[in-house]
Amino acid sequence: MSKKHHFSQYLWVHILIGLVAGVAIGVALSMADMNIDFKQSLAEWLALPGYVFIDILKMIIVPLIISSVVLGITTSHSKEFIRRLGLRIVPYFIMTTAIAITIGLAAVYSINPAQYMDKELITPVILENVQVFDNLTIPQRILNLIPVNMTEAQYTSNMLQIVIFAIILGVVILSLPTKRTKVFLDLMQFAQDACMVVVDWAIKLAPLAVFGLMAAIIAKTGLSAILSMAVYMGTVIAALLGVLFMYGLIVSLIGRRNPLWFFSQIRSIQLLAFSTSTSSGVMPITMATAEDNLQVRPDIARFVVPLGATINMDGTALYQAIAAIFLTQLYGIDLSSAQVLLLLVTTIGASIGTPGTPGVGLVILATIVSSLGVPPEGIGLILGVDRILDMCRTTINVSGDLTACVVMDRWLRKA
């Protein structure tokens, strides 16, 4: 960014206090003997600052993505640099996603959480809000990458199309004479600076937002639902921690940075991602963290973070793989090695372009498990704890984007 956005040295402390206080209030509400409707209404009011915080950040996402990607590309002053970055970042994203899924599969097969489940919990659930993800063919998916209608892309939160539009626009600008593009680039810089001022305002609301969201989520989910799925949740969280450990190794061995320093620099954005469950919503803060805290080159951070928020979903892909195998174990469905391999490939493909908003992973999961023969009520079984696990996997998604920034910064400085 054009200026530093450190926000506050102790922002992570304030967010952590809000998180702990929110959990405490949420537990108290979940155990309180009060009318269900009143409890739900109270939870909604508690969550209001969180919803306001997320919506403020979402309000600036599209102009920020376009301005940041365009400036990131044009700052490099070289189409060759963008080509080298693109040829490195896409295979890197695919590789880390594949490793994350493998970690998830190893965890779920080793622990077998289904054996600890009470089979009486398997009851039919009407999933009114869960729709099957579009089952497009590969040619259709390729065509769907082209941003034909930017208004529709914004309306449907198709961030991948917006990123691709911005990349094309940036490359086109590099092809034009500097005198013809200066005014437009000044406008892009103004748009980015204005967006970051809004981020500075919004971040002041972060601790209160975290408090309200955590209180509402725990109050709505309830301790009984959490405890009944404890082993399943533990399996997912253990695998996600394994991915976090993998990031530490990547930062150390490839990025040549101290992993302890790395995690200390990103803890505020990790807590925010955990509390809000939206990687795209906190994207402005992720970009500022990459540039200001991790000292990543602006042209790399502005390219990698928006792209990573749309196609680098390690946490989401891992969760979908574990949930799919868990449900097949629960219903006694044996998968062949070929089916497991197909699941890995399908999960990688489904995670690319997934909107980084709460609950979307569950929609994609519905498509994946339906192809494995799992009945619809299976999704309903894990629906109760999905939001909490969504928070955990979003933290990994954001951490993965920042890890990629460090790696690309190292590789391209050497190149």
Protein backbone atom coordinates (compact mmCIF):
# COMPACT_ATOMS: atom_id res chain seq x y z
CA MET A 1 0.00 0.00 0.00
CA SER A 2 1.06 3.56 -0.40
CA LYS A 3 1.37 4.00 3.34
CA LYS A 4 1.85 1.69 6.28
CA HIS A 5 -1.16 0.13 7.92
CA HIS A 6 0.11 -1.39 11.15
CA PHE A 7 -3.30 -0.74 12.73
CA SER A 8 -2.14 -1.37 16.30
CA GLN A 9 0.75 -3.23 17.83
CA TYR A 10 -1.64 -4.82 20.29
CA LEU A 11 -4.55 -5.38 17.93
CA TRP A 12 -4.20 -9.15 18.28
CA VAL A 13 -4.47 -8.82 22.08
CA HIS A 14 -7.68 -6.81 21.81
CA ILE A 15 -9.11 -9.31 19.32
CA LEU A 16 -8.13 -12.24 21.53
CA ILE A 17 -9.82 -10.63 24.54
CA GLY A 18 -12.96 -10.11 22.45
CA LEU A 19 -12.83 -13.72 21.27
CA VAL A 20 -12.48 -15.18 24.79
CA ALA A 21 -15.19 -12.90 26.18
CA GLY A 22 -17.47 -13.82 23.29
CA VAL A 23 -16.99 -17.54 23.90
CA ALA A 24 -17.76 -17.07 27.60
CA ILE A 25 -20.96 -15.13 26.89
CA GLY A 26 -21.94 -17.63 24.19
CA VAL A 27 -21.52 -20.60 26.53
CA ALA A 28 -23.55 -18.81 29.21
CA LEU A 29 -26.34 -18.10 26.73
CA SER A 30 -26.36 -21.65 25.37
CA MET A 31 -26.80 -23.01 28.91
CA ALA A 32 -29.32 -20.36 30.00
CA ASP A 33 -32.91 -21.43 30.55
CA MET A 34 -34.72 -18.94 28.34
CA ASN A 35 -37.11 -18.84 25.39
CA ILE A 36 -35.46 -20.12 22.20
CA ASP A 37 -36.80 -17.26 20.07
CA PHE A 38 -35.55 -14.69 22.57
CA LYS A 39 -32.14 -16.39 22.67
CA GLN A 40 -31.91 -16.34 18.87
CA SER A 41 -32.93 -12.67 18.79
CA LEU A 42 -30.34 -11.79 21.43
CA ALA A 43 -27.67 -13.65 19.46
CA GLU A 44 -28.54 -11.65 16.34
CA TRP A 45 -28.15 -8.37 18.23
CA LEU A 46 -24.82 -9.49 19.67
CA ALA A 47 -23.60 -10.40 16.18
CA LEU A 48 -24.67 -7.04 14.68
CA PRO A 49 -21.26 -5.32 15.08
CA GLY A 50 -19.65 -8.34 13.43
CA TYR A 51 -22.03 -8.21 10.48
CA VAL A 52 -21.39 -4.47 10.12
CA PHE A 53 -17.62 -5.07 10.19
CA ILE A 54 -17.81 -7.77 7.50
CA ASP A 55 -20.17 -5.76 5.29
CA ILE A 56 -17.95 -2.66 5.48
CA LEU A 57 -15.01 -4.72 4.23
CA LYS A 58 -17.12 -6.43 1.56
CA MET A 59 -18.27 -3.00 0.36
CA ILE A 60 -14.75 -2.16 -0.83
CA ILE A 61 -13.67 -5.62 -2.04
CA VAL A 62 -14.33 -5.14 -5.78
CA PRO A 63 -12.64 -1.72 -6.18
CA LEU A 64 -9.79 -2.88 -3.96
CA ILE A 65 -9.19 -6.09 -5.94
CA ILE A 66 -9.23 -4.29 -9.29
CA SER A 67 -7.02 -1.40 -8.16
CA SER A 68 -4.57 -3.63 -6.25
CA VAL A 69 -4.12 -6.21 -9.00
CA VAL A 70 -3.78 -3.53 -11.69
CA LEU A 71 -1.23 -1.59 -9.62
CA GLY A 72 0.58 -4.79 -8.70
CA ILE A 73 1.00 -5.69 -12.36
CA THR A 74 1.86 -2.22 -13.61
CA THR A 75 4.29 -1.56 -10.75
CA SER A 76 6.41 -4.44 -12.03
CA HIS A 77 6.71 -2.61 -15.40
CA SER A 78 7.19 -6.00 -17.07
CA LYS A 79 4.91 -8.59 -18.62
CA GLU A 80 7.80 -11.03 -18.19
CA PHE A 81 7.62 -10.58 -14.40
CA ILE A 82 3.89 -11.35 -14.40
CA ARG A 83 4.52 -14.41 -16.57
CA ARG A 84 7.17 -15.71 -14.17
CA LEU A 85 4.94 -15.04 -11.17
CA GLY A 86 1.95 -16.76 -12.79
CA LEU A 87 3.99 -19.82 -13.82
CA ARG A 88 5.13 -20.23 -10.21
CA ILE A 89 2.06 -19.34 -8.17
CA VAL A 90 -0.57 -21.55 -9.84
CA PRO A 91 1.43 -24.83 -9.57
CA TYR A 92 2.35 -23.84 -6.00
CA PHE A 93 -1.31 -23.39 -5.06
CA ILE A 94 -2.28 -26.74 -6.61
CA MET A 95 0.59 -28.54 -4.86
CA THR A 96 -0.15 -27.15 -1.38
CA THR A 97 -3.86 -27.93 -1.80
CA ALA A 98 -3.04 -31.52 -2.77
CA ILE A 99 -0.75 -31.89 0.26
CA ALA A 100 -3.43 -30.40 2.55
CA ILE A 101 -6.02 -32.88 1.27
CA THR A 102 -3.55 -35.75 1.76
CA ILE A 103 -3.00 -34.64 5.37
CA GLY A 104 -6.76 -34.59 5.87
CA LEU A 105 -7.23 -38.06 4.39
CA ALA A 106 -4.42 -39.45 6.55
CA ALA A 107 -6.04 -37.95 9.66
CA VAL A 108 -9.57 -39.21 8.99
CA TYR A 109 -8.43 -42.72 8.08
CA SER A 110 -6.12 -42.91 11.11
CA ILE A 111 -8.61 -41.64 13.68
CA ASN A 112 -11.83 -42.93 12.06
CA PRO A 113 -14.11 -40.50 13.96
CA ALA A 114 -17.25 -42.26 12.71
CA GLN A 115 -16.66 -45.15 15.13
CA TYR A 116 -17.19 -42.78 18.07
CA MET A 117 -20.52 -41.49 16.77
CA ASP A 118 -23.90 -42.45 18.19
CA LYS A 119 -25.77 -43.87 15.19
CA GLU A 120 -29.06 -42.62 16.67
CA LEU A 121 -27.92 -39.09 15.80
CA ILE A 122 -28.37 -39.94 12.13
CA THR A 123 -31.83 -38.51 11.54
CA PRO A 124 -33.37 -36.99 8.42
CA VAL A 125 -32.83 -33.24 8.13
CA ILE A 126 -34.46 -30.96 5.58
CA LEU A 127 -31.71 -28.87 4.05
CA GLU A 128 -33.63 -25.89 2.74
CA ASN A 129 -30.61 -23.63 2.42
CA VAL A 130 -28.08 -26.12 1.07
CA GLN A 131 -28.01 -26.37 -2.70
CA VAL A 132 -25.85 -28.58 -4.83
CA PHE A 133 -22.87 -26.79 -6.34
CA ASP A 134 -23.04 -26.38 -10.11
CA ASN A 135 -21.85 -29.65 -11.63
CA LEU A 136 -20.18 -28.10 -14.67
CA THR A 137 -18.06 -29.91 -17.23
CA ILE A 138 -14.39 -28.92 -17.63
CA PRO A 139 -15.05 -26.88 -20.83
CA GLN A 140 -17.92 -25.10 -19.07
CA ARG A 141 -15.69 -24.33 -16.08
CA ILE A 142 -13.06 -22.86 -18.40
CA LEU A 143 -15.67 -20.67 -20.12
CA ASN A 144 -16.98 -19.63 -16.71
CA LEU A 145 -13.59 -18.06 -15.95
CA ILE A 146 -14.16 -15.36 -18.57
CA PRO A 147 -15.71 -12.25 -16.98
CA VAL A 148 -18.44 -11.60 -19.55
CA ASN A 149 -20.55 -9.44 -17.23
CA MET A 150 -18.73 -7.65 -14.41
CA THR A 151 -21.99 -6.54 -12.80
CA GLU A 152 -23.14 -10.14 -12.56
CA ALA A 153 -19.71 -11.22 -11.28
CA GLN A 154 -19.98 -8.69 -8.48
CA TYR A 155 -23.60 -9.60 -7.71
CA THR A 156 -22.81 -13.33 -7.51
CA SER A 157 -19.53 -12.78 -5.61
CA ASN A 158 -17.56 -14.46 -8.40
CA MET A 159 -14.22 -13.13 -7.21
CA LEU A 160 -12.21 -15.28 -9.63
CA GLN A 161 -13.80 -13.53 -12.62
CA ILE A 162 -13.08 -10.15 -11.03
CA VAL A 163 -9.44 -11.10 -10.44
CA ILE A 164 -9.07 -12.36 -14.03
CA PHE A 165 -10.60 -9.11 -15.35
CA ALA A 166 -8.12 -7.11 -13.26
CA ILE A 167 -5.19 -9.22 -14.49
CA ILE A 168 -6.20 -8.71 -18.13
CA LEU A 169 -6.67 -4.97 -17.53
CA GLY A 170 -3.25 -4.71 -15.89
CA VAL A 171 -1.49 -6.54 -18.74
CA VAL A 172 -3.28 -4.35 -21.30
CA ILE A 173 -2.10 -1.21 -19.49
CA LEU A 174 1.49 -2.49 -19.64
CA SER A 175 1.09 -2.68 -23.42
CA LEU A 176 0.05 0.97 -23.76
CA PRO A 177 2.30 4.07 -23.76
CA THR A 178 2.97 5.43 -20.27
CA LYS A 179 1.58 8.89 -21.09
CA ARG A 180 -1.81 7.39 -21.99
CA THR A 181 -2.13 5.37 -18.78
CA LYS A 182 -0.84 7.79 -16.13
CA VAL A 183 -4.22 9.36 -15.32
CA PHE A 184 -5.91 5.97 -15.08
CA LEU A 185 -3.18 4.59 -12.80
CA ASP A 186 -3.47 7.68 -10.60
CA LEU A 187 -7.18 6.89 -10.33
CA MET A 188 -6.37 3.28 -9.39
CA GLN A 189 -3.95 4.50 -6.71
CA PHE A 190 -6.60 6.86 -5.36
CA ALA A 191 -9.16 4.01 -5.27
CA GLN A 192 -6.75 1.77 -3.38
CA ASP A 193 -5.81 4.49 -0.89
CA ALA A 194 -9.48 5.32 -0.30
CA CYS A 195 -10.31 1.66 0.30
CA MET A 196 -7.51 1.35 2.84
CA VAL A 197 -8.80 4.38 4.73
CA VAL A 198 -12.10 2.51 5.07
CA VAL A 199 -10.15 -0.52 6.30
CA ASP A 200 -8.46 1.65 8.95
CA TRP A 201 -11.89 2.76 10.11
CA ALA A 202 -13.33 -0.75 10.10
CA ILE A 203 -10.44 -2.27 12.03
CA LYS A 204 -11.32 -0.15 15.05
CA LEU A 205 -14.52 -2.18 15.24
CA ALA A 206 -12.70 -5.52 15.04
CA PRO A 207 -12.52 -6.49 18.77
CA LEU A 208 -16.22 -5.72 19.28
CA ALA A 209 -17.06 -7.55 16.04
CA VAL A 210 -15.14 -10.62 17.16
CA PHE A 211 -16.85 -10.58 20.56
CA GLY A 212 -20.34 -10.40 19.07
CA LEU A 213 -19.77 -13.02 16.37
CA MET A 214 -18.26 -15.54 18.80
CA ALA A 215 -21.03 -15.04 21.35
CA ALA A 216 -23.72 -15.50 18.68
CA ILE A 217 -22.10 -18.57 17.09
CA ILE A 218 -21.60 -20.43 20.39
CA ALA A 219 -25.09 -19.49 21.60
CA LYS A 220 -26.71 -20.75 18.38
CA THR A 221 -24.62 -23.91 18.04
CA GLY A 222 -24.94 -25.01 21.65
CA LEU A 223 -22.54 -27.08 23.74
CA SER A 224 -24.45 -30.33 23.20
CA ALA A 225 -23.97 -30.21 19.42
CA ILE A 226 -20.28 -29.41 19.84
CA LEU A 227 -19.65 -32.20 22.35
CA SER A 228 -21.55 -34.82 20.32
CA MET A 229 -19.25 -34.17 17.34
CA ALA A 230 -16.09 -33.68 19.39
CA VAL A 231 -13.99 -36.45 17.79
CA TYR A 232 -14.97 -35.39 14.27
CA MET A 233 -14.17 -31.76 15.06
CA GLY A 234 -10.91 -32.82 16.72
CA THR A 235 -9.93 -34.73 13.58
CA VAL A 236 -10.51 -31.70 11.36
CA ILE A 237 -8.69 -29.33 13.72
CA ALA A 238 -5.73 -31.71 14.12
CA ALA A 239 -5.38 -31.96 10.34
CA LEU A 240 -5.62 -28.16 9.98
CA LEU A 241 -2.86 -27.79 12.57
CA GLY A 242 -0.83 -30.22 10.46
CA VAL A 243 -1.26 -27.88 7.48
CA LEU A 244 -0.23 -24.94 9.67
CA PHE A 245 2.93 -26.88 10.57
CA MET A 246 3.50 -27.47 6.85
CA TYR A 247 3.29 -23.70 6.29
CA GLY A 248 5.95 -23.21 8.96
CA LEU A 249 8.25 -25.63 7.14
CA ILE A 250 7.61 -23.90 3.81
CA VAL A 251 8.34 -20.47 5.30
CA SER A 252 11.56 -21.79 6.85
CA LEU A 253 12.91 -24.00 4.05
CA ILE A 254 11.71 -22.10 0.97
CA GLY A 255 10.92 -18.60 2.19
CA ARG A 256 14.05 -18.47 4.37
CA ARG A 257 12.15 -16.75 7.17
CA ASN A 258 11.85 -17.66 10.84
CA PRO A 259 8.45 -19.42 11.15
CA LEU A 260 7.97 -18.13 14.71
CA TRP A 261 8.48 -14.58 13.46
CA PHE A 262 6.14 -15.28 10.55
CA PHE A 263 3.29 -16.50 12.76
CA SER A 264 3.80 -13.63 15.20
CA GLN A 265 3.34 -11.17 12.32
CA ILE A 266 0.11 -12.73 11.05
CA ARG A 267 -1.67 -13.54 14.34
CA SER A 268 -4.01 -10.53 14.13
CA ILE A 269 -5.30 -11.47 10.67
CA GLN A 270 -5.56 -15.12 11.76
CA LEU A 271 -7.81 -14.14 14.66
CA LEU A 272 -9.90 -11.92 12.39
CA ALA A 273 -10.25 -14.65 9.77
CA PHE A 274 -11.22 -17.13 12.49
CA SER A 275 -13.88 -14.84 13.93
CA THR A 276 -15.41 -13.65 10.65
CA SER A 277 -15.18 -16.88 8.58
CA THR A 278 -14.54 -14.93 5.40
CA SER A 279 -11.19 -14.88 3.62
CA SER A 280 -12.47 -12.49 0.94
CA GLY A 281 -13.93 -10.14 3.55
CA VAL A 282 -10.60 -9.70 5.35
CA MET A 283 -8.62 -9.55 2.08
CA PRO A 284 -7.74 -5.84 2.50
CA ILE A 285 -6.17 -6.56 5.88
CA THR A 286 -4.40 -9.65 4.50
CA MET A 287 -2.79 -7.51 1.80
CA ALA A 288 -1.70 -4.90 4.32
CA THR A 289 -0.26 -7.65 6.54
CA ALA A 290 1.76 -9.08 3.65
CA GLU A 291 3.23 -5.71 2.69
CA ASP A 292 3.70 -4.07 6.07
CA ASN A 293 4.33 -6.93 8.51
CA LEU A 294 5.98 -9.51 6.24
CA GLN A 295 7.79 -6.97 4.01
CA VAL A 296 6.59 -8.66 0.83
CA ARG A 297 7.04 -6.67 -2.39
CA PRO A 298 3.83 -4.74 -3.13
CA ASP A 299 3.58 -6.02 -6.71
CA ILE A 300 3.70 -9.60 -5.40
CA ALA A 301 1.30 -9.08 -2.48
CA ARG A 302 -1.25 -7.26 -4.66
CA PHE A 303 -1.23 -10.12 -7.17
CA VAL A 304 -0.96 -13.17 -4.89
CA VAL A 305 -3.46 -12.25 -2.14
CA PRO A 306 -6.50 -11.56 -4.40
CA LEU A 307 -5.68 -14.61 -6.53
CA GLY A 308 -5.07 -16.77 -3.46
CA ALA A 309 -8.36 -15.70 -1.88
CA THR A 310 -10.16 -17.22 -4.88
CA ILE A 311 -8.17 -20.33 -5.82
CA ASN A 312 -5.99 -21.17 -2.79
CA MET A 313 -8.37 -22.87 -0.36
CA ASP A 314 -6.22 -25.43 1.47
CA GLY A 315 -8.35 -25.41 4.62
CA THR A 316 -11.62 -25.72 2.71
CA ALA A 317 -10.31 -28.56 0.52
CA LEU A 318 -8.98 -30.45 3.55
CA TYR A 319 -12.29 -30.08 5.38
CA GLN A 320 -14.30 -31.33 2.42
CA ALA A 321 -12.10 -34.41 2.08
CA ILE A 322 -12.37 -35.26 5.79
CA ALA A 323 -16.13 -34.65 5.90
CA ALA A 324 -16.70 -36.79 2.80
CA ILE A 325 -14.70 -39.74 4.18
CA PHE A 326 -16.28 -39.32 7.63
CA LEU A 327 -19.77 -39.59 6.16
CA THR A 328 -18.87 -42.63 4.04
CA GLN A 329 -17.45 -44.29 7.17
CA LEU A 330 -20.59 -43.41 9.10
CA TYR A 331 -22.87 -44.95 6.49
CA GLY A 332 -20.66 -47.98 5.87
CA ILE A 333 -19.69 -47.00 2.32
CA ASP A 334 -16.33 -48.48 1.31
CA LEU A 335 -14.35 -46.43 -1.19
CA SER A 336 -11.80 -47.93 -3.55
CA SER A 337 -8.36 -46.38 -4.03
CA ALA A 338 -9.53 -45.03 -7.38
CA GLN A 339 -12.53 -43.35 -5.72
CA VAL A 340 -10.31 -41.76 -3.06
CA LEU A 341 -7.97 -40.47 -5.78
CA LEU A 342 -10.97 -39.10 -7.68
CA LEU A 343 -12.14 -37.44 -4.45
CA LEU A 344 -8.74 -35.73 -4.13
CA VAL A 345 -8.85 -34.43 -7.70
CA THR A 346 -12.51 -33.36 -7.41
CA THR A 347 -11.85 -31.53 -4.15
CA ILE A 348 -8.93 -29.62 -5.66
CA GLY A 349 -11.08 -28.61 -8.63
CA ALA A 350 -14.06 -27.65 -6.47
CA SER A 351 -11.94 -25.50 -4.16
CA ILE A 352 -10.68 -23.36 -7.07
CA GLY A 353 -12.86 -20.29 -7.39
CA THR A 354 -14.86 -21.04 -4.25
CA PRO A 355 -16.28 -17.76 -2.88
CA GLY A 356 -14.49 -16.97 0.37
CA THR A 357 -17.70 -16.41 2.33
CA PRO A 358 -19.20 -18.28 5.30
CA GLY A 359 -20.95 -21.58 4.54
CA VAL A 360 -19.95 -21.96 0.89
CA GLY A 361 -17.76 -24.98 1.69
CA LEU A 362 -20.86 -26.82 2.88
CA VAL A 363 -22.58 -26.24 -0.46
CA ILE A 364 -19.65 -27.73 -2.34
CA LEU A 365 -19.49 -30.63 0.11
CA ALA A 366 -23.12 -31.48 -0.70
CA THR A 367 -22.11 -32.03 -4.31
CA ILE A 368 -19.06 -34.13 -3.45
CA VAL A 369 -20.77 -36.52 -1.01
CA SER A 370 -23.82 -36.99 -3.23
CA SER A 371 -21.52 -38.55 -5.84
CA LEU A 372 -20.24 -41.00 -3.19
CA GLY A 373 -23.68 -42.35 -2.30
CA VAL A 374 -24.10 -40.51 1.01
CA PRO A 375 -27.79 -39.74 1.70
CA PRO A 376 -28.86 -36.08 2.09
CA GLU A 377 -29.34 -36.34 5.86
CA GLY A 378 -25.61 -36.92 6.19
CA ILE A 379 -24.96 -33.24 5.47
CA GLY A 380 -27.53 -32.33 8.10
CA LEU A 381 -25.53 -34.29 10.67
CA ILE A 382 -22.46 -32.07 10.36
CA LEU A 383 -24.43 -28.89 9.71
CA GLY A 384 -24.58 -28.03 13.40
CA VAL A 385 -20.82 -27.69 13.83
CA ASP A 386 -20.00 -26.49 10.32
CA ARG A 387 -19.75 -22.81 11.25
CA ILE A 388 -17.14 -23.45 13.94
CA LEU A 389 -15.07 -25.58 11.56
CA ASP A 390 -15.61 -22.95 8.86
CA MET A 391 -13.87 -20.47 11.15
CA CYS A 392 -10.92 -22.84 11.57
CA ARG A 393 -10.49 -23.59 7.86
CA THR A 394 -10.78 -19.90 6.93
CA THR A 395 -7.82 -19.22 9.24
CA ILE A 396 -5.81 -21.80 7.29
CA ASN A 397 -6.91 -20.33 3.95
CA VAL A 398 -5.66 -16.88 4.90
CA SER A 399 -2.44 -18.26 6.43
CA GLY A 400 -1.84 -20.14 3.17
CA ASP A 401 -2.15 -16.96 1.12
CA LEU A 402 0.40 -15.19 3.31
CA THR A 403 2.74 -18.18 3.14
CA ALA A 404 2.49 -18.03 -0.65
CA CYS A 405 3.39 -14.33 -0.55
CA VAL A 406 6.57 -15.07 1.40
CA VAL A 407 7.53 -17.92 -0.96
CA MET A 408 6.91 -15.90 -4.14
CA ASP A 409 8.78 -12.94 -2.68
CA ARG A 410 11.79 -15.19 -2.08
CA TRP A 411 11.66 -16.94 -5.46
CA LEU A 412 11.22 -13.79 -7.52
CA ARG A 413 13.91 -11.86 -5.68
CA LYS A 414 16.31 -14.66 -6.60
CA ALA A 415 15.04 -14.95 -10.20
